[in-house]
Amino acid sequence: MADRDGSSFLWFLAGLGVGAVVGVLYAPRSGDETREVLRSKAQEGSERVRQQARRAREQANDWVDRGGDVLSQQKERFRSAYEAGRQAYQETTTTGTEPPK
C-alpha cells in the first residue's frame, strides 16, 4: 500500500511538470505581455472599487442629510406641540376654568 501511495505521488509530480511545460509552450502571450495584462486588469479593478466606494460614500452622506432633515422636522413638531400644551395649560390656570371637552 505504501508503494502505491509513493508511486501515485511521483505520477502526480510528473503530471504537474508536464502540465507546466505544456502551459509555457502554448501560452498565448509572452511573460511581459501577460504581466502587462494582469497589471491593467488590477488597475481596472482598483478603479472600479474606488468608484463604488465613492458612490457608497455619497449615498451615506445623502442618508445622513435626509436623517438630519427628518430629525429637525420632528424636533419642530415636538416644540410646536409643547408650546401649544404649555399655552393651553397657562390659559386654563390663569382663567380658572376647565378646558372644553
PDB file of N, CA and C in Angstrom:
ATOM      1  N   MET A   1       0.824  -1.177   0.000  1.00  0.00           N
ATOM      2  CA  MET A   1       0.000   0.000   0.000  1.00  0.00           C
ATOM      3  C   MET A   1       0.873   1.247   0.000  1.00  0.00           C
ATOM      4  N   ALA A   2       1.975   1.210   0.767  1.00  0.00           N
ATOM      5  CA  ALA A   2       2.871   2.362   0.828  1.00  0.00           C
ATOM      6  C   ALA A   2       3.535   2.596  -0.522  1.00  0.00           C
ATOM      7  N   ASP A   3       3.883   1.536  -1.248  1.00  0.00           N
ATOM      8  CA  ASP A   3       4.494   1.688  -2.573  1.00  0.00           C
ATOM      9  C   ASP A   3       3.508   2.349  -3.535  1.00  0.00           C
ATOM     10  N   ARG A   4       2.275   1.959  -3.424  1.00  0.00           N
ATOM     11  CA  ARG A   4       1.259   2.522  -4.316  1.00  0.00           C
ATOM     12  C   ARG A   4       1.095   4.026  -4.056  1.00  0.00           C
ATOM     13  N   ASP A   5       1.074   4.446  -2.782  1.00  0.00           N
ATOM     14  CA  ASP A   5       0.946   5.859  -2.452  1.00  0.00           C
ATOM     15  C   ASP A   5       2.163   6.641  -2.936  1.00  0.00           C
ATOM     16  N   GLY A   6       3.351   6.072  -2.792  1.00  0.00           N
ATOM     17  CA  GLY A   6       4.576   6.738  -3.242  1.00  0.00           C
ATOM     18  C   GLY A   6       4.599   6.886  -4.753  1.00  0.00           C
ATOM     19  N   SER A   7       4.207   5.868  -5.469  1.00  0.00           N
ATOM     20  CA  SER A   7       4.222   5.948  -6.931  1.00  0.00           C
ATOM     21  C   SER A   7       3.121   6.892  -7.426  1.00  0.00           C
ATOM     22  N   SER A   8       1.997   6.949  -6.732  1.00  0.00           N
ATOM     23  CA  SER A   8       0.940   7.877  -7.121  1.00  0.00           C
ATOM     24  C   SER A   8       1.425   9.313  -6.974  1.00  0.00           C
ATOM     25  N   PHE A   9       2.152   9.575  -5.907  1.00  0.00           N
ATOM     26  CA  PHE A   9       2.680  10.920  -5.685  1.00  0.00           C
ATOM     27  C   PHE A   9       3.691  11.284  -6.767  1.00  0.00           C
ATOM     28  N   LEU A  10       4.534  10.315  -7.172  1.00  0.00           N
ATOM     29  CA  LEU A  10       5.512  10.570  -8.239  1.00  0.00           C
ATOM     30  C   LEU A  10       4.795  10.854  -9.556  1.00  0.00           C
ATOM     31  N   TRP A  11       3.731  10.090  -9.843  1.00  0.00           N
ATOM     32  CA  TRP A  11       2.978  10.345 -11.066  1.00  0.00           C
ATOM     33  C   TRP A  11       2.312  11.725 -11.026  1.00  0.00           C
ATOM     34  N   PHE A  12       1.844  12.118  -9.837  1.00  0.00           N
ATOM     35  CA  PHE A  12       1.261  13.448  -9.682  1.00  0.00           C
ATOM     36  C   PHE A  12       2.298  14.520  -9.988  1.00  0.00           C
ATOM     37  N   LEU A  13       3.502  14.378  -9.441  1.00  0.00           N
ATOM     38  CA  LEU A  13       4.564  15.359  -9.706  1.00  0.00           C
ATOM     39  C   LEU A  13       4.947  15.384 -11.177  1.00  0.00           C
ATOM     40  N   ALA A  14       5.010  14.201 -11.804  1.00  0.00           N
ATOM     41  CA  ALA A  14       5.345  14.139 -13.220  1.00  0.00           C
ATOM     42  C   ALA A  14       4.267  14.849 -14.045  1.00  0.00           C
ATOM     43  N   GLY A  15       3.012  14.617 -13.729  1.00  0.00           N
ATOM     44  CA  GLY A  15       1.922  15.281 -14.441  1.00  0.00           C
ATOM     45  C   GLY A  15       1.947  16.792 -14.230  1.00  0.00           C
ATOM     46  N   LEU A  16       2.297  17.213 -13.035  1.00  0.00           N
ATOM     47  CA  LEU A  16       2.412  18.635 -12.744  1.00  0.00           C
ATOM     48  C   LEU A  16       3.505  19.272 -13.598  1.00  0.00           C
ATOM     49  N   GLY A  17       4.643  18.588 -13.702  1.00  0.00           N
ATOM     50  CA  GLY A  17       5.746  19.097 -14.526  1.00  0.00           C
ATOM     51  C   GLY A  17       5.375  19.161 -15.997  1.00  0.00           C
ATOM     52  N   VAL A  18       4.741  18.112 -16.506  1.00  0.00           N
ATOM     53  CA  VAL A  18       4.344  18.085 -17.913  1.00  0.00           C
ATOM     54  C   VAL A  18       3.320  19.194 -18.178  1.00  0.00           C
ATOM     55  N   GLY A  19       2.381  19.403 -17.266  1.00  0.00           N
ATOM     56  CA  GLY A  19       1.392  20.459 -17.423  1.00  0.00           C
ATOM     57  C   GLY A  19       2.031  21.835 -17.459  1.00  0.00           C
ATOM     58  N   ALA A  20       3.029  22.050 -16.618  1.00  0.00           N
ATOM     59  CA  ALA A  20       3.713  23.341 -16.605  1.00  0.00           C
ATOM     60  C   ALA A  20       4.445  23.577 -17.917  1.00  0.00           C
ATOM     61  N   VAL A  21       5.119  22.564 -18.428  1.00  0.00           N
ATOM     62  CA  VAL A  21       5.852  22.691 -19.692  1.00  0.00           C
ATOM     63  C   VAL A  21       4.883  22.968 -20.834  1.00  0.00           C
ATOM     64  N   VAL A  22       3.791  22.240 -20.908  1.00  0.00           N
ATOM     65  CA  VAL A  22       2.813  22.443 -21.974  1.00  0.00           C
ATOM     66  C   VAL A  22       2.212  23.845 -21.864  1.00  0.00           C
ATOM     67  N   GLY A  23       1.933  24.287 -20.643  1.00  0.00           N
ATOM     68  CA  GLY A  23       1.385  25.622 -20.452  1.00  0.00           C
ATOM     69  C   GLY A  23       2.311  26.710 -20.948  1.00  0.00           C
ATOM     70  N   VAL A  24       3.595  26.552 -20.696  1.00  0.00           N
ATOM     71  CA  VAL A  24       4.576  27.546 -21.145  1.00  0.00           C
ATOM     72  C   VAL A  24       4.700  27.516 -22.666  1.00  0.00           C
ATOM     73  N   LEU A  25       4.711  26.325 -23.251  1.00  0.00           N
ATOM     74  CA  LEU A  25       4.865  26.210 -24.699  1.00  0.00           C
ATOM     75  C   LEU A  25       3.664  26.771 -25.451  1.00  0.00           C
ATOM     76  N   TYR A  26       2.483  26.619 -24.921  1.00  0.00           N
ATOM     77  CA  TYR A  26       1.284  27.054 -25.615  1.00  0.00           C
ATOM     78  C   TYR A  26       0.684  28.352 -25.067  1.00  0.00           C
ATOM     79  N   ALA A  27       1.439  29.066 -24.300  1.00  0.00           N
ATOM     80  CA  ALA A  27       0.944  30.333 -23.753  1.00  0.00           C
ATOM     81  C   ALA A  27       0.704  31.313 -24.899  1.00  0.00           C
ATOM     82  N   PRO A  28      -0.430  32.027 -24.887  1.00  0.00           N
ATOM     83  CA  PRO A  28      -0.748  32.930 -25.991  1.00  0.00           C
ATOM     84  C   PRO A  28       0.082  34.216 -25.980  1.00  0.00           C
ATOM     85  N   ARG A  29       0.676  34.546 -24.865  1.00  0.00           N
ATOM     86  CA  ARG A  29       1.453  35.787 -24.758  1.00  0.00           C
ATOM     87  C   ARG A  29       2.780  35.506 -24.084  1.00  0.00           C
ATOM     88  N   SER A  30       3.690  36.452 -24.276  1.00  0.00           N
ATOM     89  CA  SER A  30       4.972  36.335 -23.575  1.00  0.00           C
ATOM     90  C   SER A  30       4.772  36.741 -22.124  1.00  0.00           C
ATOM     91  N   GLY A  31       5.791  36.531 -21.324  1.00  0.00           N
ATOM     92  CA  GLY A  31       5.716  36.883 -19.908  1.00  0.00           C
ATOM     93  C   GLY A  31       5.482  38.365 -19.700  1.00  0.00           C
ATOM     94  N   ASP A  32       6.173  39.210 -20.472  1.00  0.00           N
ATOM     95  CA  ASP A  32       5.990  40.660 -20.342  1.00  0.00           C
ATOM     96  C   ASP A  32       4.553  41.070 -20.684  1.00  0.00           C
ATOM     97  N   GLU A  33       4.028  40.491 -21.775  1.00  0.00           N
ATOM     98  CA  GLU A  33       2.656  40.819 -22.168  1.00  0.00           C
ATOM     99  C   GLU A  33       1.660  40.352 -21.106  1.00  0.00           C
ATOM    100  N   THR A  34       1.886  39.168 -20.574  1.00  0.00           N
ATOM    101  CA  THR A  34       0.994  38.635 -19.544  1.00  0.00           C
ATOM    102  C   THR A  34       1.016  39.518 -18.304  1.00  0.00           C
ATOM    103  N   ARG A  35       2.204  39.948 -17.887  1.00  0.00           N
ATOM    104  CA  ARG A  35       2.305  40.832 -16.716  1.00  0.00           C
ATOM    105  C   ARG A  35       1.605  42.157 -16.978  1.00  0.00           C
ATOM    106  N   GLU A  36       1.728  42.683 -18.193  1.00  0.00           N
ATOM    107  CA  GLU A  36       1.072  43.948 -18.532  1.00  0.00           C
ATOM    108  C   GLU A  36      -0.455  43.797 -18.487  1.00  0.00           C
ATOM    109  N   VAL A  37      -0.956  42.686 -19.020  1.00  0.00           N
ATOM    110  CA  VAL A  37      -2.396  42.434 -18.981  1.00  0.00           C
ATOM    111  C   VAL A  37      -2.871  42.324 -17.532  1.00  0.00           C
ATOM    112  N   LEU A  38      -2.130  41.594 -16.713  1.00  0.00           N
ATOM    113  CA  LEU A  38      -2.504  41.459 -15.303  1.00  0.00           C
ATOM    114  C   LEU A  38      -2.484  42.812 -14.591  1.00  0.00           C
ATOM    115  N   ARG A  39      -1.474  43.617 -14.907  1.00  0.00           N
ATOM    116  CA  ARG A  39      -1.357  44.944 -14.291  1.00  0.00           C
ATOM    117  C   ARG A  39      -2.545  45.828 -14.683  1.00  0.00           C
ATOM    118  N   SER A  40      -2.914  45.811 -15.970  1.00  0.00           N
ATOM    119  CA  SER A  40      -4.035  46.646 -16.414  1.00  0.00           C
ATOM    120  C   SER A  40      -5.352  46.167 -15.798  1.00  0.00           C
ATOM    121  N   LYS A  41      -5.535  44.849 -15.680  1.00  0.00           N
ATOM    122  CA  LYS A  41      -6.743  44.326 -15.053  1.00  0.00           C
ATOM    123  C   LYS A  41      -6.800  44.726 -13.578  1.00  0.00           C
ATOM    124  N   ALA A  42      -5.669  44.700 -12.910  1.00  0.00           N
ATOM    125  CA  ALA A  42      -5.625  45.106 -11.500  1.00  0.00           C
ATOM    126  C   ALA A  42      -5.961  46.589 -11.362  1.00  0.00           C
ATOM    127  N   GLN A  43      -5.481  47.420 -12.285  1.00  0.00           N
ATOM    128  CA  GLN A  43      -5.799  48.851 -12.241  1.00  0.00           C
ATOM    129  C   GLN A  43      -7.281  49.085 -12.506  1.00  0.00           C
ATOM    130  N   GLU A  44      -7.854  48.336 -13.449  1.00  0.00           N
ATOM    131  CA  GLU A  44      -9.290  48.457 -13.722  1.00  0.00           C
ATOM    132  C   GLU A  44     -10.099  48.074 -12.492  1.00  0.00           C
ATOM    133  N   GLY A  45      -9.703  46.998 -11.850  1.00  0.00           N
ATOM    134  CA  GLY A  45     -10.404  46.560 -10.643  1.00  0.00           C
ATOM    135  C   GLY A  45     -10.277  47.585  -9.532  1.00  0.00           C
ATOM    136  N   SER A  46      -9.103  48.165  -9.401  1.00  0.00           N
ATOM    137  CA  SER A  46      -8.876  49.184  -8.378  1.00  0.00           C
ATOM    138  C   SER A  46      -9.748  50.406  -8.641  1.00  0.00           C
ATOM    139  N   GLU A  47      -9.840  50.819  -9.886  1.00  0.00           N
ATOM    140  CA  GLU A  47     -10.674  51.975 -10.232  1.00  0.00           C
ATOM    141  C   GLU A  47     -12.148  51.667  -9.962  1.00  0.00           C
ATOM    142  N   ARG A  48     -12.576  50.463 -10.287  1.00  0.00           N
ATOM    143  CA  ARG A  48     -13.961  50.068 -10.043  1.00  0.00           C
ATOM    144  C   ARG A  48     -14.267  50.109  -8.543  1.00  0.00           C
ATOM    145  N   VAL A  49     -13.334  49.650  -7.732  1.00  0.00           N
ATOM    146  CA  VAL A  49     -13.527  49.683  -6.273  1.00  0.00           C
ATOM    147  C   VAL A  49     -13.602  51.124  -5.789  1.00  0.00           C
ATOM    148  N   ARG A  50     -12.758  51.993  -6.321  1.00  0.00           N
ATOM    149  CA  ARG A  50     -12.801  53.413  -5.931  1.00  0.00           C
ATOM    150  C   ARG A  50     -14.144  54.042  -6.284  1.00  0.00           C
ATOM    151  N   GLN A  51     -14.655  53.741  -7.484  1.00  0.00           N
ATOM    152  CA  GLN A  51     -15.945  54.295  -7.902  1.00  0.00           C
ATOM    153  C   GLN A  51     -17.074  53.812  -6.999  1.00  0.00           C
ATOM    154  N   GLN A  52     -17.065  52.537  -6.670  1.00  0.00           N
ATOM    155  CA  GLN A  52     -18.099  52.000  -5.797  1.00  0.00           C
ATOM    156  C   GLN A  52     -17.993  52.602  -4.403  1.00  0.00           C
ATOM    157  N   ALA A  53     -16.789  52.795  -3.911  1.00  0.00           N
ATOM    158  CA  ALA A  53     -16.607  53.418  -2.603  1.00  0.00           C
ATOM    159  C   ALA A  53     -17.096  54.863  -2.632  1.00  0.00           C
ATOM    160  N   ARG A  54     -16.834  55.560  -3.730  1.00  0.00           N
ATOM    161  CA  ARG A  54     -17.291  56.947  -3.865  1.00  0.00           C
ATOM    162  C   ARG A  54     -18.827  56.999  -3.861  1.00  0.00           C
ATOM    163  N   ARG A  55     -19.456  56.084  -4.618  1.00  0.00           N
ATOM    164  CA  ARG A  55     -20.920  56.043  -4.640  1.00  0.00           C
ATOM    165  C   ARG A  55     -21.488  55.718  -3.262  1.00  0.00           C
ATOM    166  N   ALA A  56     -20.875  54.780  -2.580  1.00  0.00           N
ATOM    167  CA  ALA A  56     -21.345  54.411  -1.243  1.00  0.00           C
ATOM    168  C   ALA A  56     -21.211  55.581  -0.283  1.00  0.00           C
ATOM    169  N   ARG A  57     -20.108  56.319  -0.378  1.00  0.00           N
ATOM    170  CA  ARG A  57     -19.898  57.483   0.489  1.00  0.00           C
ATOM    171  C   ARG A  57     -20.943  58.557   0.195  1.00  0.00           C
ATOM    172  N   GLU A  58     -21.229  58.806  -1.090  1.00  0.00           N
ATOM    173  CA  GLU A  58     -22.247  59.797  -1.461  1.00  0.00           C
ATOM    174  C   GLU A  58     -23.626  59.383  -0.956  1.00  0.00           C
ATOM    175  N   GLN A  59     -23.937  58.099  -1.081  1.00  0.00           N
ATOM    176  CA  GLN A  59     -25.225  57.611  -0.618  1.00  0.00           C
ATOM    177  C   GLN A  59     -25.330  57.736   0.898  1.00  0.00           C
ATOM    178  N   ALA A  60     -24.261  57.427   1.604  1.00  0.00           N
ATOM    179  CA  ALA A  60     -24.261  57.564   3.063  1.00  0.00           C
ATOM    180  C   ALA A  60     -24.448  59.030   3.455  1.00  0.00           C
ATOM    181  N   ASN A  61     -23.787  59.923   2.750  1.00  0.00           N
ATOM    182  CA  ASN A  61     -23.956  61.354   3.040  1.00  0.00           C
ATOM    183  C   ASN A  61     -25.397  61.792   2.788  1.00  0.00           C
ATOM    184  N   ASP A  62     -26.012  61.289   1.714  1.00  0.00           N
ATOM    185  CA  ASP A  62     -27.412  61.612   1.431  1.00  0.00           C
ATOM    186  C   ASP A  62     -28.311  61.119   2.569  1.00  0.00           C
ATOM    187  N   TRP A  63     -28.043  59.908   3.048  1.00  0.00           N
ATOM    188  CA  TRP A  63     -28.851  59.361   4.139  1.00  0.00           C
ATOM    189  C   TRP A  63     -28.685  60.189   5.410  1.00  0.00           C
ATOM    190  N   VAL A  64     -27.454  60.624   5.673  1.00  0.00           N
ATOM    191  CA  VAL A  64     -27.213  61.443   6.856  1.00  0.00           C
ATOM    192  C   VAL A  64     -27.949  62.774   6.729  1.00  0.00           C
ATOM    193  N   ASP A  65     -27.870  63.387   5.556  1.00  0.00           N
ATOM    194  CA  ASP A  65     -28.578  64.655   5.341  1.00  0.00           C
ATOM    195  C   ASP A  65     -30.084  64.472   5.494  1.00  0.00           C
ATOM    196  N   ARG A  66     -30.601  63.427   4.882  1.00  0.00           N
ATOM    197  CA  ARG A  66     -32.036  63.162   4.967  1.00  0.00           C
ATOM    198  C   ARG A  66     -32.448  62.887   6.416  1.00  0.00           C
ATOM    199  N   GLY A  67     -31.636  62.153   7.132  1.00  0.00           N
ATOM    200  CA  GLY A  67     -31.920  61.874   8.535  1.00  0.00           C
ATOM    201  C   GLY A  67     -31.904  63.150   9.362  1.00  0.00           C
ATOM    202  N   GLY A  68     -30.972  64.043   9.069  1.00  0.00           N
ATOM    203  CA  GLY A  68     -30.922  65.324   9.769  1.00  0.00           C
ATOM    204  C   GLY A  68     -32.158  66.157   9.502  1.00  0.00           C
ATOM    205  N   ASP A  69     -32.639  66.144   8.264  1.00  0.00           N
ATOM    206  CA  ASP A  69     -33.852  66.887   7.924  1.00  0.00           C
ATOM    207  C   ASP A  69     -35.062  66.326   8.675  1.00  0.00           C
ATOM    208  N   VAL A  70     -35.177  65.002   8.699  1.00  0.00           N
ATOM    209  CA  VAL A  70     -36.297  64.368   9.400  1.00  0.00           C
ATOM    210  C   VAL A  70     -36.222  64.684  10.889  1.00  0.00           C
ATOM    211  N   LEU A  71     -35.039  64.627  11.456  1.00  0.00           N
ATOM    212  CA  LEU A  71     -34.862  64.936  12.873  1.00  0.00           C
ATOM    213  C   LEU A  71     -35.249  66.384  13.165  1.00  0.00           C
ATOM    214  N   SER A  72     -34.860  67.301  12.318  1.00  0.00           N
ATOM    215  CA  SER A  72     -35.227  68.711  12.502  1.00  0.00           C
ATOM    216  C   SER A  72     -36.740  68.891  12.446  1.00  0.00           C
ATOM    217  N   GLN A  73     -37.392  68.211  11.504  1.00  0.00           N
ATOM    218  CA  GLN A  73     -38.847  68.306  11.398  1.00  0.00           C
ATOM    219  C   GLN A  73     -39.521  67.766  12.657  1.00  0.00           C
ATOM    220  N   GLN A  74     -39.032  66.647  13.149  1.00  0.00           N
ATOM    221  CA  GLN A  74     -39.620  66.058  14.353  1.00  0.00           C
ATOM    222  C   GLN A  74     -39.409  66.971  15.564  1.00  0.00           C
ATOM    223  N   LYS A  75     -38.240  67.568  15.656  1.00  0.00           N
ATOM    224  CA  LYS A  75     -37.979  68.490  16.763  1.00  0.00           C
ATOM    225  C   LYS A  75     -38.925  69.694  16.694  1.00  0.00           C
ATOM    226  N   GLU A  76     -39.149  70.200  15.498  1.00  0.00           N
ATOM    227  CA  GLU A  76     -40.048  71.345  15.333  1.00  0.00           C
ATOM    228  C   GLU A  76     -41.482  70.963  15.699  1.00  0.00           C
ATOM    229  N   ARG A  77     -41.915  69.789  15.295  1.00  0.00           N
ATOM    230  CA  ARG A  77     -43.263  69.333  15.657  1.00  0.00           C
ATOM    231  C   ARG A  77     -43.397  69.191  17.175  1.00  0.00           C
ATOM    232  N   PHE A  78     -42.372  68.635  17.793  1.00  0.00           N
ATOM    233  CA  PHE A  78     -42.399  68.475  19.244  1.00  0.00           C
ATOM    234  C   PHE A  78     -42.454  69.833  19.930  1.00  0.00           C
ATOM    235  N   ARG A  79     -41.643  70.782  19.465  1.00  0.00           N
ATOM    236  CA  ARG A  79     -41.664  72.130  20.045  1.00  0.00           C
ATOM    237  C   ARG A  79     -43.046  72.766  19.904  1.00  0.00           C
ATOM    238  N   SER A  80     -43.648  72.630  18.725  1.00  0.00           N
ATOM    239  CA  SER A  80     -44.979  73.200  18.490  1.00  0.00           C
ATOM    240  C   SER A  80     -46.002  72.576  19.431  1.00  0.00           C
ATOM    241  N   ALA A  81     -45.970  71.262  19.561  1.00  0.00           N
ATOM    242  CA  ALA A  81     -46.911  70.578  20.445  1.00  0.00           C
ATOM    243  C   ALA A  81     -46.668  70.978  21.895  1.00  0.00           C
ATOM    244  N   TYR A  82     -45.416  71.090  22.293  1.00  0.00           N
ATOM    245  CA  TYR A  82     -45.078  71.502  23.653  1.00  0.00           C
ATOM    246  C   TYR A  82     -45.588  72.916  23.932  1.00  0.00           C
ATOM    247  N   GLU A  83     -45.341  73.815  22.998  1.00  0.00           N
ATOM    248  CA  GLU A  83     -45.779  75.200  23.177  1.00  0.00           C
ATOM    249  C   GLU A  83     -47.301  75.287  23.222  1.00  0.00           C
ATOM    250  N   ALA A  84     -47.994  74.514  22.385  1.00  0.00           N
ATOM    251  CA  ALA A  84     -49.455  74.521  22.392  1.00  0.00           C
ATOM    252  C   ALA A  84     -49.978  73.989  23.717  1.00  0.00           C
ATOM    253  N   GLY A  85     -49.383  72.934  24.228  1.00  0.00           N
ATOM    254  CA  GLY A  85     -49.784  72.386  25.527  1.00  0.00           C
ATOM    255  C   GLY A  85     -49.496  73.349  26.654  1.00  0.00           C
ATOM    256  N   ARG A  86     -48.366  73.976  26.597  1.00  0.00           N
ATOM    257  CA  ARG A  86     -47.978  74.943  27.632  1.00  0.00           C
ATOM    258  C   ARG A  86     -48.932  76.141  27.642  1.00  0.00           C
ATOM    259  N   GLN A  87     -49.237  76.623  26.458  1.00  0.00           N
ATOM    260  CA  GLN A  87     -50.151  77.760  26.344  1.00  0.00           C
ATOM    261  C   GLN A  87     -51.545  77.381  26.846  1.00  0.00           C
ATOM    262  N   ALA A  88     -52.009  76.197  26.500  1.00  0.00           N
ATOM    263  CA  ALA A  88     -53.322  75.743  26.962  1.00  0.00           C
ATOM    264  C   ALA A  88     -53.324  75.614  28.475  1.00  0.00           C
ATOM    265  N   TYR A  89     -52.247  75.103  29.034  1.00  0.00           N
ATOM    266  CA  TYR A  89     -52.145  74.970  30.486  1.00  0.00           C
ATOM    267  C   TYR A  89     -52.176  76.340  31.157  1.00  0.00           C
ATOM    268  N   GLN A  90     -51.420  77.289  30.614  1.00  0.00           N
ATOM    269  CA  GLN A  90     -51.386  78.638  31.195  1.00  0.00           C
ATOM    270  C   GLN A  90     -52.755  79.309  31.116  1.00  0.00           C
ATOM    271  N   GLU A  91     -53.430  79.145  29.991  1.00  0.00           N
ATOM    272  CA  GLU A  91     -54.753  79.734  29.849  1.00  0.00           C
ATOM    273  C   GLU A  91     -55.733  79.129  30.846  1.00  0.00           C
ATOM    274  N   THR A  92     -55.616  77.829  31.050  1.00  0.00           N
ATOM    275  CA  THR A  92     -56.512  77.144  31.966  1.00  0.00           C
ATOM    276  C   THR A  92     -56.242  77.571  33.406  1.00  0.00           C
ATOM    277  N   THR A  93     -55.000  77.673  33.776  1.00  0.00           N
ATOM    278  CA  THR A  93     -54.673  78.027  35.160  1.00  0.00           C
ATOM    279  C   THR A  93     -54.910  79.501  35.454  1.00  0.00           C
ATOM    280  N   THR A  94     -54.757  80.370  34.496  1.00  0.00           N
ATOM    281  CA  THR A  94     -54.964  81.800  34.753  1.00  0.00           C
ATOM    282  C   THR A  94     -56.424  82.179  34.744  1.00  0.00           C
ATOM    283  N   THR A  95     -57.248  81.495  33.958  1.00  0.00           N
ATOM    284  CA  THR A  95     -58.664  81.844  33.896  1.00  0.00           C
ATOM    285  C   THR A  95     -59.460  81.097  34.948  1.00  0.00           C
ATOM    286  N   GLY A  96     -58.941  80.011  35.460  1.00  0.00           N
ATOM    287  CA  GLY A  96     -59.612  79.250  36.489  1.00  0.00           C
ATOM    288  C   GLY A  96     -60.749  78.393  35.962  1.00  0.00           C
ATOM    289  N   THR A  97     -60.814  78.220  34.672  1.00  0.00           N
ATOM    290  CA  THR A  97     -61.871  77.402  34.093  1.00  0.00           C
ATOM    291  C   THR A  97     -61.261  76.121  33.555  1.00  0.00           C
ATOM    292  N   GLU A  98     -62.130  75.166  33.415  1.00  0.00           N
ATOM    293  CA  GLU A  98     -61.663  73.893  32.842  1.00  0.00           C
ATOM    294  C   GLU A  98     -61.660  74.000  31.324  1.00  0.00           C
ATOM    295  N   PRO A  99     -60.763  73.276  30.684  1.00  0.00           N
ATOM    296  CA  PRO A  99     -60.740  73.298  29.219  1.00  0.00           C
ATOM    297  C   PRO A  99     -61.970  72.613  28.657  1.00  0.00           C
ATOM    298  N   PRO A 100     -62.420  73.015  27.505  1.00  0.00           N
ATOM    299  CA  PRO A 100     -63.614  72.382  26.898  1.00  0.00           C
ATOM    300  C   PRO A 100     -63.341  70.923  26.578  1.00  0.00           C
ATOM    301  N   LYS A 101     -64.441  70.149  26.744  1.00  0.00           N
ATOM    302  CA  LYS A 101     -64.304  68.711  26.481  1.00  0.00           C
ATOM    303  C   LYS A 101     -64.817  68.344  25.133  1.00  0.00           C
TER     304      LYS A 101
END
